[in-house]
Amino acid sequence: MADTVIQNKKFIKAGNSFAITIDRAFVDRFFDEGRSPVVMELDKETGRVSFVSARNLGASKSGEKLSKAEKSAVLESKLPQEFREWVEKSLDEDSESMKALANL
């Protein structure tokens, strides 16, 4: 816990959303100067919010491996929306062929 910093922050309005500022030095060090995609985890029971940089895909904030959902979120952040939609459409269109191939 020695490397943990606790700060009091207030929300700021950003369009139709809200934002919280993060110290520049921290972002520069862990989030590639703000260019790295971020996986955000929202705990709906406790209200806890946590972030992990896509750079750290192999490990979570506690050093444990990322969950399947976290890995999926990082992967989605790296693939263009148009490509993801094309893959989804192709899989839907070819589902019968895929099932037939699986049973060979």
C-alpha atoms as a PDB file:
ATOM      1  CA  MET A   1       0.000   0.000   0.000  1.00  0.00           C
ATOM      2  CA  ALA A   2       3.060   2.270   0.195  1.00  0.00           C
ATOM      3  CA  ASP A   3       2.779   3.107  -3.517  1.00  0.00           C
ATOM      4  CA  THR A   4      -0.902   4.056  -3.250  1.00  0.00           C
ATOM      5  CA  VAL A   5      -1.917   7.711  -3.340  1.00  0.00           C
ATOM      6  CA  ILE A   6      -5.366   8.772  -2.185  1.00  0.00           C
ATOM      7  CA  GLN A   7      -6.687  12.110  -3.430  1.00  0.00           C
ATOM      8  CA  ASN A   8     -10.010  13.887  -3.061  1.00  0.00           C
ATOM      9  CA  LYS A   9     -11.372  14.853  -6.465  1.00  0.00           C
ATOM     10  CA  LYS A  10     -14.536  16.451  -7.820  1.00  0.00           C
ATOM     11  CA  PHE A  11     -16.333  15.583 -11.022  1.00  0.00           C
ATOM     12  CA  ILE A  12     -16.107  18.027 -13.892  1.00  0.00           C
ATOM     13  CA  LYS A  13     -18.659  18.261 -16.708  1.00  0.00           C
ATOM     14  CA  ALA A  14     -17.437  17.001 -20.092  1.00  0.00           C
ATOM     15  CA  GLY A  15     -20.264  17.265 -22.630  1.00  0.00           C
ATOM     16  CA  ASN A  16     -23.034  14.894 -21.504  1.00  0.00           C
ATOM     17  CA  SER A  17     -20.581  12.982 -19.297  1.00  0.00           C
ATOM     18  CA  PHE A  18     -18.492  13.606 -16.220  1.00  0.00           C
ATOM     19  CA  ALA A  19     -14.724  13.367 -15.817  1.00  0.00           C
ATOM     20  CA  ILE A  20     -12.120  13.320 -13.073  1.00  0.00           C
ATOM     21  CA  THR A  21      -8.645  14.725 -13.582  1.00  0.00           C
ATOM     22  CA  ILE A  22      -5.577  12.536 -13.100  1.00  0.00           C
ATOM     23  CA  ASP A  23      -2.107  13.912 -12.419  1.00  0.00           C
ATOM     24  CA  ARG A  24      -0.076  14.374 -15.607  1.00  0.00           C
ATOM     25  CA  ALA A  25       3.028  12.569 -14.290  1.00  0.00           C
ATOM     26  CA  PHE A  26       0.945   9.476 -13.462  1.00  0.00           C
ATOM     27  CA  VAL A  27      -0.721   9.416 -16.887  1.00  0.00           C
ATOM     28  CA  ASP A  28       2.601   9.974 -18.647  1.00  0.00           C
ATOM     29  CA  ARG A  29       4.220   7.089 -16.756  1.00  0.00           C
ATOM     30  CA  PHE A  30       1.497   4.455 -16.909  1.00  0.00           C
ATOM     31  CA  PHE A  31      -0.760   5.452 -19.813  1.00  0.00           C
ATOM     32  CA  ASP A  32       1.735   6.374 -22.544  1.00  0.00           C
ATOM     33  CA  GLU A  33       1.153  10.111 -22.098  1.00  0.00           C
ATOM     34  CA  GLY A  34      -2.605   9.623 -22.495  1.00  0.00           C
ATOM     35  CA  ARG A  35      -2.381   7.667 -25.762  1.00  0.00           C
ATOM     36  CA  SER A  36      -2.805   4.186 -24.302  1.00  0.00           C
ATOM     37  CA  PRO A  37      -6.326   2.694 -24.369  1.00  0.00           C
ATOM     38  CA  VAL A  38      -7.800   2.271 -20.902  1.00  0.00           C
ATOM     39  CA  VAL A  39      -9.948  -0.514 -19.491  1.00  0.00           C
ATOM     40  CA  MET A  40     -12.313   0.869 -16.854  1.00  0.00           C
ATOM     41  CA  GLU A  41     -13.983  -1.412 -14.331  1.00  0.00           C
ATOM     42  CA  LEU A  42     -17.115  -0.167 -12.542  1.00  0.00           C
ATOM     43  CA  ASP A  43     -18.291  -2.113  -9.498  1.00  0.00           C
ATOM     44  CA  LYS A  44     -22.061  -1.553  -9.412  1.00  0.00           C
ATOM     45  CA  GLU A  45     -22.327  -2.824  -5.823  1.00  0.00           C
ATOM     46  CA  THR A  46     -19.661  -0.687  -4.174  1.00  0.00           C
ATOM     47  CA  GLY A  47     -19.316   2.219  -6.622  1.00  0.00           C
ATOM     48  CA  ARG A  48     -15.577   1.518  -6.888  1.00  0.00           C
ATOM     49  CA  VAL A  49     -13.916   2.489 -10.180  1.00  0.00           C
ATOM     50  CA  SER A  50     -10.562   1.154 -11.345  1.00  0.00           C
ATOM     51  CA  PHE A  51      -8.494   1.577 -14.493  1.00  0.00           C
ATOM     52  CA  VAL A  52      -5.764  -0.422 -16.195  1.00  0.00           C
ATOM     53  CA  SER A  53      -3.680   0.595 -19.173  1.00  0.00           C
ATOM     54  CA  ALA A  54      -3.810  -1.549 -22.303  1.00  0.00           C
ATOM     55  CA  ARG A  55      -0.016  -1.603 -22.010  1.00  0.00           C
ATOM     56  CA  ASN A  56      -0.497  -3.768 -18.930  1.00  0.00           C
ATOM     57  CA  LEU A  57      -2.720  -6.304 -20.669  1.00  0.00           C
ATOM     58  CA  GLY A  58      -0.998  -9.208 -18.917  1.00  0.00           C
ATOM     59  CA  ALA A  59      -1.459  -7.937 -15.359  1.00  0.00           C
ATOM     60  CA  SER A  60      -4.088  -6.107 -13.354  1.00  0.00           C
ATOM     61  CA  LYS A  61      -3.436  -3.445 -10.736  1.00  0.00           C
ATOM     62  CA  SER A  62      -2.799  -6.150  -8.133  1.00  0.00           C
ATOM     63  CA  GLY A  63      -0.379  -8.066 -10.363  1.00  0.00           C
ATOM     64  CA  GLU A  64      -2.926 -10.776 -11.158  1.00  0.00           C
ATOM     65  CA  LYS A  65      -3.844 -11.720 -14.709  1.00  0.00           C
ATOM     66  CA  LEU A  66      -6.651  -9.726 -16.286  1.00  0.00           C
ATOM     67  CA  SER A  67     -10.084 -11.303 -16.469  1.00  0.00           C
ATOM     68  CA  LYS A  68     -11.571 -12.370 -19.789  1.00  0.00           C
ATOM     69  CA  ALA A  69     -13.822  -9.280 -19.731  1.00  0.00           C
ATOM     70  CA  GLU A  70     -10.836  -6.968 -19.169  1.00  0.00           C
ATOM     71  CA  LYS A  71      -8.864  -8.588 -21.995  1.00  0.00           C
ATOM     72  CA  SER A  72     -11.904  -8.328 -24.260  1.00  0.00           C
ATOM     73  CA  ALA A  73     -12.313  -4.634 -23.448  1.00  0.00           C
ATOM     74  CA  VAL A  74      -8.648  -3.941 -24.239  1.00  0.00           C
ATOM     75  CA  LEU A  75      -8.865  -5.881 -27.494  1.00  0.00           C
ATOM     76  CA  GLU A  76     -12.028  -4.013 -28.512  1.00  0.00           C
ATOM     77  CA  SER A  77     -10.327  -0.704 -27.807  1.00  0.00           C
ATOM     78  CA  LYS A  78      -7.571  -1.630 -30.282  1.00  0.00           C
ATOM     79  CA  LEU A  79      -9.840  -2.765 -33.142  1.00  0.00           C
ATOM     80  CA  PRO A  80     -11.805  -0.263 -35.237  1.00  0.00           C
ATOM     81  CA  GLN A  81     -15.580  -0.371 -34.709  1.00  0.00           C
ATOM     82  CA  GLU A  82     -16.142  -0.961 -38.438  1.00  0.00           C
ATOM     83  CA  PHE A  83     -13.929  -4.071 -38.368  1.00  0.00           C
ATOM     84  CA  ARG A  84     -15.660  -5.469 -35.252  1.00  0.00           C
ATOM     85  CA  GLU A  85     -19.055  -4.985 -36.910  1.00  0.00           C
ATOM     86  CA  TRP A  86     -17.834  -6.710 -40.101  1.00  0.00           C
ATOM     87  CA  VAL A  87     -16.558  -9.717 -38.103  1.00  0.00           C
ATOM     88  CA  GLU A  88     -19.839  -9.970 -36.172  1.00  0.00           C
ATOM     89  CA  LYS A  89     -21.870  -9.799 -39.405  1.00  0.00           C
ATOM     90  CA  SER A  90     -19.645 -12.403 -41.106  1.00  0.00           C
ATOM     91  CA  LEU A  91     -19.931 -14.784 -38.176  1.00  0.00           C
ATOM     92  CA  ASP A  92     -23.724 -14.424 -38.179  1.00  0.00           C
ATOM     93  CA  GLU A  93     -23.962 -14.977 -41.944  1.00  0.00           C
ATOM     94  CA  ASP A  94     -21.650 -17.992 -41.884  1.00  0.00           C
ATOM     95  CA  SER A  95     -22.946 -19.637 -38.719  1.00  0.00           C
ATOM     96  CA  GLU A  96     -24.516 -22.603 -40.568  1.00  0.00           C
ATOM     97  CA  SER A  97     -21.303 -23.253 -42.487  1.00  0.00           C
ATOM     98  CA  MET A  98     -19.275 -23.060 -39.289  1.00  0.00           C
ATOM     99  CA  LYS A  99     -21.562 -25.574 -37.585  1.00  0.00           C
ATOM    100  CA  ALA A 100     -21.246 -27.952 -40.568  1.00  0.00           C
ATOM    101  CA  LEU A 101     -17.456 -27.642 -40.492  1.00  0.00           C
ATOM    102  CA  ALA A 102     -17.359 -28.276 -36.752  1.00  0.00           C
ATOM    103  CA  ASN A 103     -19.180 -31.589 -37.268  1.00  0.00           C
ATOM    104  CA  LEU A 104     -16.772 -32.961 -39.907  1.00  0.00           C
END
